Amino acid sequence: MHKRLTLVLVLVLLGAMVFAAGDWRYVFWNLDQHPEILGGFLPTQIGMGAGWNGLHFIPDRRTEIQMLAGGGYYQRKMWQNPTNGLPLEEDTNPLIYDVMEYEWRLRFSQGFLPSNVEGKDLWTVYAGYDGFFTRTMDSMVTGASRSNNGTHDVASVADWFSRTVLLPRTTPITPTWGILSLPCSLPGSNGTGWMTNRPPRMASIPT
């Protein structure tokens, strides 16, 4: 126990020294919760990493490389009829399922031209690689009653699809190993315009 505590302290100290060097900074990526775990107050999915701006390809313009990673466990709902793509009818129970996901991102950014916003570039170009591995599964509260379009028992993924005549594929694992994106930010945002062609979490469908 003493050796493990010493190792943790050394790693924390080394991390603090790296960030104190000036070229590194902490980068927060994303956060999510599972509503059935402490009412959603406890984060069950988080992504973070570090950004390094030790390179300067263009004088006085920001160049940065970010390395991010995250993962966790959260709940998703599908309010769409899989047979016709239309929203579910009233009093129809949505599909409620759980997701376990691991994700990573490597991103390069380069700023161009000065802007009226202090410390920001007028135009920033990003090139990045997004990877993630997602596994969908039955909800942790399968069989329990929940209020969604009325009060219904939470069905398993197979049972929910069987009621709509469309059965899911046999494997619950949906791996996608990477996405290459080349977006640009809005003027002066220096990053807030980042987008990726990865499907949004709310639109993911179990397979």
C-alpha atoms as a PDB file:
ATOM      1  CA  MET A   1       0.000   0.000   0.000  1.00  0.00           C
ATOM      2  CA  HIS A   2       2.826   2.372   0.867  1.00  0.00           C
ATOM      3  CA  LYS A   3       4.532   1.726  -2.485  1.00  0.00           C
ATOM      4  CA  ARG A   4       1.319   2.378  -4.420  1.00  0.00           C
ATOM      5  CA  LEU A   5       0.711   5.656  -2.599  1.00  0.00           C
ATOM      6  CA  THR A   6       4.292   6.736  -3.299  1.00  0.00           C
ATOM      7  CA  LEU A   7       3.886   5.905  -6.998  1.00  0.00           C
ATOM      8  CA  VAL A   8       0.656   7.927  -7.228  1.00  0.00           C
ATOM      9  CA  LEU A   9       2.286  10.922  -5.555  1.00  0.00           C
ATOM     10  CA  VAL A  10       5.274  10.748  -7.902  1.00  0.00           C
ATOM     11  CA  LEU A  11       2.997  10.612 -10.955  1.00  0.00           C
ATOM     12  CA  VAL A  12       0.976  13.583  -9.711  1.00  0.00           C
ATOM     13  CA  LEU A  13       4.173  15.536  -9.100  1.00  0.00           C
ATOM     14  CA  LEU A  14       5.514  14.731 -12.567  1.00  0.00           C
ATOM     15  CA  GLY A  15       2.221  15.749 -14.148  1.00  0.00           C
ATOM     16  CA  ALA A  16       2.253  19.052 -12.278  1.00  0.00           C
ATOM     17  CA  MET A  17       5.820  19.713 -13.417  1.00  0.00           C
ATOM     18  CA  VAL A  18       4.897  19.021 -17.050  1.00  0.00           C
ATOM     19  CA  PHE A  19       1.956  21.425 -17.018  1.00  0.00           C
ATOM     20  CA  ALA A  20       4.006  24.016 -15.155  1.00  0.00           C
ATOM     21  CA  ALA A  21       6.518  23.997 -18.006  1.00  0.00           C
ATOM     22  CA  GLY A  22       4.228  26.357 -19.892  1.00  0.00           C
ATOM     23  CA  ASP A  23       3.780  24.483 -23.177  1.00  0.00           C
ATOM     24  CA  TRP A  24       1.147  22.105 -21.779  1.00  0.00           C
ATOM     25  CA  ARG A  25      -2.413  22.771 -20.634  1.00  0.00           C
ATOM     26  CA  TYR A  26      -5.335  20.716 -19.341  1.00  0.00           C
ATOM     27  CA  VAL A  27      -8.185  20.227 -21.846  1.00  0.00           C
ATOM     28  CA  PHE A  28     -11.706  19.223 -20.810  1.00  0.00           C
ATOM     29  CA  TRP A  29     -13.575  17.288 -23.510  1.00  0.00           C
ATOM     30  CA  ASN A  30     -17.023  16.048 -22.446  1.00  0.00           C
ATOM     31  CA  LEU A  31     -19.164  14.808 -19.574  1.00  0.00           C
ATOM     32  CA  ASP A  32     -22.245  12.609 -19.289  1.00  0.00           C
ATOM     33  CA  GLN A  33     -24.379  10.942 -16.616  1.00  0.00           C
ATOM     34  CA  HIS A  34     -26.628   7.910 -16.157  1.00  0.00           C
ATOM     35  CA  PRO A  35     -30.024   8.949 -14.706  1.00  0.00           C
ATOM     36  CA  GLU A  36     -30.369   5.659 -12.823  1.00  0.00           C
ATOM     37  CA  ILE A  37     -27.082   6.123 -10.937  1.00  0.00           C
ATOM     38  CA  LEU A  38     -27.593   8.563  -8.035  1.00  0.00           C
ATOM     39  CA  GLY A  39     -30.275  10.328 -10.042  1.00  0.00           C
ATOM     40  CA  GLY A  40     -27.776  11.467 -12.657  1.00  0.00           C
ATOM     41  CA  PHE A  41     -25.791  13.607 -10.198  1.00  0.00           C
ATOM     42  CA  LEU A  42     -22.693  11.408 -10.463  1.00  0.00           C
ATOM     43  CA  PRO A  43     -20.731  11.721 -13.736  1.00  0.00           C
ATOM     44  CA  THR A  44     -20.406   8.263 -15.275  1.00  0.00           C
ATOM     45  CA  GLN A  45     -18.685   9.279 -18.520  1.00  0.00           C
ATOM     46  CA  ILE A  46     -15.903  11.829 -18.903  1.00  0.00           C
ATOM     47  CA  GLY A  47     -13.307  12.823 -21.469  1.00  0.00           C
ATOM     48  CA  MET A  48     -10.205  14.943 -20.943  1.00  0.00           C
ATOM     49  CA  GLY A  49      -6.583  15.272 -21.969  1.00  0.00           C
ATOM     50  CA  ALA A  50      -3.747  17.672 -22.645  1.00  0.00           C
ATOM     51  CA  GLY A  51      -2.851  20.286 -25.224  1.00  0.00           C
ATOM     52  CA  TRP A  52       0.716  21.137 -26.266  1.00  0.00           C
ATOM     53  CA  ASN A  53       1.505  24.479 -27.910  1.00  0.00           C
ATOM     54  CA  GLY A  54       5.285  24.256 -28.037  1.00  0.00           C
ATOM     55  CA  LEU A  55       5.286  24.553 -31.837  1.00  0.00           C
ATOM     56  CA  HIS A  56       4.994  27.896 -33.652  1.00  0.00           C
ATOM     57  CA  PHE A  57       4.739  27.450 -37.399  1.00  0.00           C
ATOM     58  CA  ILE A  58       3.473  31.036 -37.828  1.00  0.00           C
ATOM     59  CA  PRO A  59       4.873  33.800 -35.578  1.00  0.00           C
ATOM     60  CA  ASP A  60       2.314  35.140 -33.051  1.00  0.00           C
ATOM     61  CA  ARG A  61      -0.298  32.575 -34.148  1.00  0.00           C
ATOM     62  CA  ARG A  62      -1.359  29.611 -32.030  1.00  0.00           C
ATOM     63  CA  THR A  63      -0.337  26.088 -32.980  1.00  0.00           C
ATOM     64  CA  GLU A  64      -1.540  23.247 -30.743  1.00  0.00           C
ATOM     65  CA  ILE A  65      -1.681  19.466 -30.600  1.00  0.00           C
ATOM     66  CA  GLN A  66      -4.325  17.914 -28.346  1.00  0.00           C
ATOM     67  CA  MET A  67      -4.440  14.341 -27.057  1.00  0.00           C
ATOM     68  CA  LEU A  68      -7.772  13.435 -25.471  1.00  0.00           C
ATOM     69  CA  ALA A  69      -9.302  10.244 -24.128  1.00  0.00           C
ATOM     70  CA  GLY A  70     -12.432   9.291 -22.267  1.00  0.00           C
ATOM     71  CA  GLY A  71     -15.079   6.707 -21.644  1.00  0.00           C
ATOM     72  CA  GLY A  72     -17.878   5.635 -19.400  1.00  0.00           C
ATOM     73  CA  TYR A  73     -21.393   4.308 -19.046  1.00  0.00           C
ATOM     74  CA  TYR A  74     -24.623   6.154 -19.785  1.00  0.00           C
ATOM     75  CA  GLN A  75     -28.262   5.736 -20.834  1.00  0.00           C
ATOM     76  CA  ARG A  76     -29.899   6.520 -24.169  1.00  0.00           C
ATOM     77  CA  LYS A  77     -33.497   6.562 -25.410  1.00  0.00           C
ATOM     78  CA  MET A  78     -34.856   6.173 -28.926  1.00  0.00           C
ATOM     79  CA  TRP A  79     -38.181   7.854 -29.698  1.00  0.00           C
ATOM     80  CA  GLN A  80     -38.292   6.708 -33.338  1.00  0.00           C
ATOM     81  CA  ASN A  81     -40.264   3.913 -34.970  1.00  0.00           C
ATOM     82  CA  PRO A  82     -37.650   1.709 -36.679  1.00  0.00           C
ATOM     83  CA  THR A  83     -40.115   0.482 -39.334  1.00  0.00           C
ATOM     84  CA  ASN A  84     -40.934   3.901 -40.843  1.00  0.00           C
ATOM     85  CA  GLY A  85     -38.580   6.417 -39.193  1.00  0.00           C
ATOM     86  CA  LEU A  86     -41.449   8.463 -37.734  1.00  0.00           C
ATOM     87  CA  PRO A  87     -41.684   9.603 -34.089  1.00  0.00           C
ATOM     88  CA  LEU A  88     -43.328   7.082 -31.780  1.00  0.00           C
ATOM     89  CA  GLU A  89     -47.057   7.384 -31.283  1.00  0.00           C
ATOM     90  CA  GLU A  90     -48.485   8.664 -28.024  1.00  0.00           C
ATOM     91  CA  ASP A  91     -48.458   6.124 -25.169  1.00  0.00           C
ATOM     92  CA  THR A  92     -45.737   4.110 -26.932  1.00  0.00           C
ATOM     93  CA  ASN A  93     -42.782   3.138 -24.785  1.00  0.00           C
ATOM     94  CA  PRO A  94     -39.430   4.390 -26.184  1.00  0.00           C
ATOM     95  CA  LEU A  95     -36.421   2.123 -26.412  1.00  0.00           C
ATOM     96  CA  ILE A  96     -34.331   2.611 -23.267  1.00  0.00           C
ATOM     97  CA  TYR A  97     -30.855   1.096 -23.336  1.00  0.00           C
ATOM     98  CA  ASP A  98     -27.412   1.512 -21.789  1.00  0.00           C
ATOM     99  CA  VAL A  99     -24.172   2.331 -23.567  1.00  0.00           C
ATOM    100  CA  MET A 100     -20.570   1.610 -22.637  1.00  0.00           C
ATOM    101  CA  GLU A 101     -18.170   3.694 -24.691  1.00  0.00           C
ATOM    102  CA  TYR A 102     -14.461   4.415 -25.014  1.00  0.00           C
ATOM    103  CA  GLU A 103     -13.256   7.297 -27.173  1.00  0.00           C
ATOM    104  CA  TRP A 104     -10.060   9.069 -28.106  1.00  0.00           C
ATOM    105  CA  ARG A 105      -9.055  12.088 -30.170  1.00  0.00           C
ATOM    106  CA  LEU A 106      -5.828  13.407 -31.661  1.00  0.00           C
ATOM    107  CA  ARG A 107      -6.244  16.969 -32.953  1.00  0.00           C
ATOM    108  CA  PHE A 108      -3.957  19.534 -34.565  1.00  0.00           C
ATOM    109  CA  SER A 109      -4.932  23.210 -34.833  1.00  0.00           C
ATOM    110  CA  GLN A 110      -3.298  26.174 -36.524  1.00  0.00           C
ATOM    111  CA  GLY A 111      -4.402  29.783 -36.226  1.00  0.00           C
ATOM    112  CA  PHE A 112      -4.187  32.392 -38.994  1.00  0.00           C
ATOM    113  CA  LEU A 113      -4.400  36.193 -38.991  1.00  0.00           C
ATOM    114  CA  PRO A 114      -4.935  38.430 -35.948  1.00  0.00           C
ATOM    115  CA  SER A 115      -8.447  39.184 -34.708  1.00  0.00           C
ATOM    116  CA  ASN A 116     -10.110  41.896 -32.632  1.00  0.00           C
ATOM    117  CA  VAL A 117     -10.442  39.400 -29.753  1.00  0.00           C
ATOM    118  CA  GLU A 118      -7.327  39.528 -27.603  1.00  0.00           C
ATOM    119  CA  GLY A 119      -5.439  36.252 -27.529  1.00  0.00           C
ATOM    120  CA  LYS A 120      -7.523  34.748 -30.345  1.00  0.00           C
ATOM    121  CA  ASP A 121      -6.786  34.102 -34.001  1.00  0.00           C
ATOM    122  CA  LEU A 122      -9.132  35.271 -36.739  1.00  0.00           C
ATOM    123  CA  TRP A 123      -9.285  31.840 -38.369  1.00  0.00           C
ATOM    124  CA  THR A 124      -8.315  28.440 -36.997  1.00  0.00           C
ATOM    125  CA  VAL A 125      -7.994  25.230 -39.007  1.00  0.00           C
ATOM    126  CA  TYR A 126      -8.289  21.805 -37.348  1.00  0.00           C
ATOM    127  CA  ALA A 127      -7.231  18.368 -38.516  1.00  0.00           C
ATOM    128  CA  GLY A 128      -8.028  15.470 -36.245  1.00  0.00           C
ATOM    129  CA  TYR A 129      -8.629  11.778 -35.770  1.00  0.00           C
ATOM    130  CA  ASP A 130     -11.601  10.604 -33.665  1.00  0.00           C
ATOM    131  CA  GLY A 131     -11.822   7.002 -32.563  1.00  0.00           C
ATOM    132  CA  PHE A 132     -14.411   5.319 -30.411  1.00  0.00           C
ATOM    133  CA  PHE A 133     -15.682   1.881 -29.441  1.00  0.00           C
ATOM    134  CA  THR A 134     -19.319   1.571 -28.374  1.00  0.00           C
ATOM    135  CA  ARG A 135     -21.244  -1.336 -26.923  1.00  0.00           C
ATOM    136  CA  THR A 136     -25.005  -1.165 -26.368  1.00  0.00           C
ATOM    137  CA  MET A 137     -26.824  -3.378 -23.875  1.00  0.00           C
ATOM    138  CA  ASP A 138     -30.117  -3.791 -22.080  1.00  0.00           C
ATOM    139  CA  SER A 139     -30.980  -1.107 -19.550  1.00  0.00           C
ATOM    140  CA  MET A 140     -29.861  -1.686 -15.991  1.00  0.00           C
ATOM    141  CA  VAL A 141     -33.523  -1.156 -14.962  1.00  0.00           C
ATOM    142  CA  THR A 142     -35.075  -3.620 -17.426  1.00  0.00           C
ATOM    143  CA  GLY A 143     -38.441  -4.720 -16.035  1.00  0.00           C
ATOM    144  CA  ALA A 144     -38.898  -1.648 -13.836  1.00  0.00           C
ATOM    145  CA  SER A 145     -41.639   0.933 -14.469  1.00  0.00           C
ATOM    146  CA  ARG A 146     -40.650   4.336 -15.836  1.00  0.00           C
ATOM    147  CA  SER A 147     -42.658   7.322 -17.076  1.00  0.00           C
ATOM    148  CA  ASN A 148     -42.025   7.878 -20.786  1.00  0.00           C
ATOM    149  CA  ASN A 149     -45.102   8.609 -22.935  1.00  0.00           C
ATOM    150  CA  GLY A 150     -47.029   7.244 -19.982  1.00  0.00           C
ATOM    151  CA  THR A 151     -45.893   4.662 -17.439  1.00  0.00           C
ATOM    152  CA  HIS A 152     -44.440   1.482 -18.949  1.00  0.00           C
ATOM    153  CA  ASP A 153     -42.150  -1.349 -17.960  1.00  0.00           C
ATOM    154  CA  VAL A 154     -38.641  -0.967 -19.429  1.00  0.00           C
ATOM    155  CA  ALA A 155     -38.223  -3.665 -22.064  1.00  0.00           C
ATOM    156  CA  SER A 156     -35.024  -5.357 -23.170  1.00  0.00           C
ATOM    157  CA  VAL A 157     -33.618  -4.322 -26.543  1.00  0.00           C
ATOM    158  CA  ALA A 158     -34.723  -7.598 -28.191  1.00  0.00           C
ATOM    159  CA  ASP A 159     -38.247  -7.399 -26.746  1.00  0.00           C
ATOM    160  CA  TRP A 160     -38.684  -3.764 -27.784  1.00  0.00           C
ATOM    161  CA  PHE A 161     -37.645  -4.455 -31.380  1.00  0.00           C
ATOM    162  CA  SER A 162     -39.773  -7.610 -31.568  1.00  0.00           C
ATOM    163  CA  ARG A 163     -42.849  -5.539 -30.752  1.00  0.00           C
ATOM    164  CA  THR A 164     -42.178  -3.399 -33.819  1.00  0.00           C
ATOM    165  CA  VAL A 165     -41.538  -6.465 -36.025  1.00  0.00           C
ATOM    166  CA  LEU A 166     -37.904  -5.416 -36.651  1.00  0.00           C
ATOM    167  CA  LEU A 167     -35.390  -7.636 -34.885  1.00  0.00           C
ATOM    168  CA  PRO A 168     -31.855  -6.380 -34.118  1.00  0.00           C
ATOM    169  CA  ARG A 169     -28.725  -8.084 -35.345  1.00  0.00           C
ATOM    170  CA  THR A 170     -27.324 -10.785 -33.087  1.00  0.00           C
ATOM    171  CA  THR A 171     -24.172  -8.962 -31.970  1.00  0.00           C
ATOM    172  CA  PRO A 172     -24.533  -6.061 -29.487  1.00  0.00           C
ATOM    173  CA  ILE A 173     -21.089  -4.650 -30.323  1.00  0.00           C
ATOM    174  CA  THR A 174     -20.731  -1.765 -32.749  1.00  0.00           C
ATOM    175  CA  PRO A 175     -17.043  -0.853 -33.161  1.00  0.00           C
ATOM    176  CA  THR A 176     -15.974   2.185 -35.129  1.00  0.00           C
ATOM    177  CA  TRP A 177     -12.248   2.709 -34.918  1.00  0.00           C
ATOM    178  CA  GLY A 178     -11.750   6.183 -36.287  1.00  0.00           C
ATOM    179  CA  ILE A 179     -13.024   9.219 -38.136  1.00  0.00           C
ATOM    180  CA  LEU A 180     -10.894  11.772 -39.926  1.00  0.00           C
ATOM    181  CA  SER A 181     -12.221  15.331 -39.808  1.00  0.00           C
ATOM    182  CA  LEU A 182     -10.964  18.567 -41.322  1.00  0.00           C
ATOM    183  CA  PRO A 183     -13.238  21.331 -40.002  1.00  0.00           C
ATOM    184  CA  CYS A 184     -12.664  25.052 -39.441  1.00  0.00           C
ATOM    185  CA  SER A 185     -13.695  27.201 -36.495  1.00  0.00           C
ATOM    186  CA  LEU A 186     -15.762  30.371 -36.566  1.00  0.00           C
ATOM    187  CA  PRO A 187     -13.767  33.623 -36.765  1.00  0.00           C
ATOM    188  CA  GLY A 188     -12.211  34.485 -33.430  1.00  0.00           C
ATOM    189  CA  SER A 189     -13.530  31.360 -31.694  1.00  0.00           C
ATOM    190  CA  ASN A 190     -10.215  29.468 -31.679  1.00  0.00           C
ATOM    191  CA  GLY A 191     -11.931  26.158 -31.229  1.00  0.00           C
ATOM    192  CA  THR A 192     -15.606  26.571 -30.426  1.00  0.00           C
ATOM    193  CA  GLY A 193     -16.531  25.829 -34.026  1.00  0.00           C
ATOM    194  CA  TRP A 194     -15.017  22.327 -33.966  1.00  0.00           C
ATOM    195  CA  MET A 195     -17.299  19.726 -35.450  1.00  0.00           C
ATOM    196  CA  THR A 196     -16.888  16.097 -36.444  1.00  0.00           C
ATOM    197  CA  ASN A 197     -18.737  13.772 -38.757  1.00  0.00           C
ATOM    198  CA  ARG A 198     -19.090  11.237 -35.949  1.00  0.00           C
ATOM    199  CA  PRO A 199     -22.797  10.358 -35.359  1.00  0.00           C
ATOM    200  CA  PRO A 200     -24.181  12.219 -32.304  1.00  0.00           C
ATOM    201  CA  ARG A 201     -24.788  10.138 -29.202  1.00  0.00           C
ATOM    202  CA  MET A 202     -28.503  10.930 -29.097  1.00  0.00           C
ATOM    203  CA  ALA A 203     -28.896   9.398 -32.566  1.00  0.00           C
ATOM    204  CA  SER A 204     -27.096   6.124 -31.854  1.00  0.00           C
ATOM    205  CA  ILE A 205     -29.225   3.011 -32.294  1.00  0.00           C
ATOM    206  CA  PRO A 206     -28.407  -0.395 -30.744  1.00  0.00           C
ATOM    207  CA  THR A 207     -27.476  -3.118 -33.187  1.00  0.00           C
END
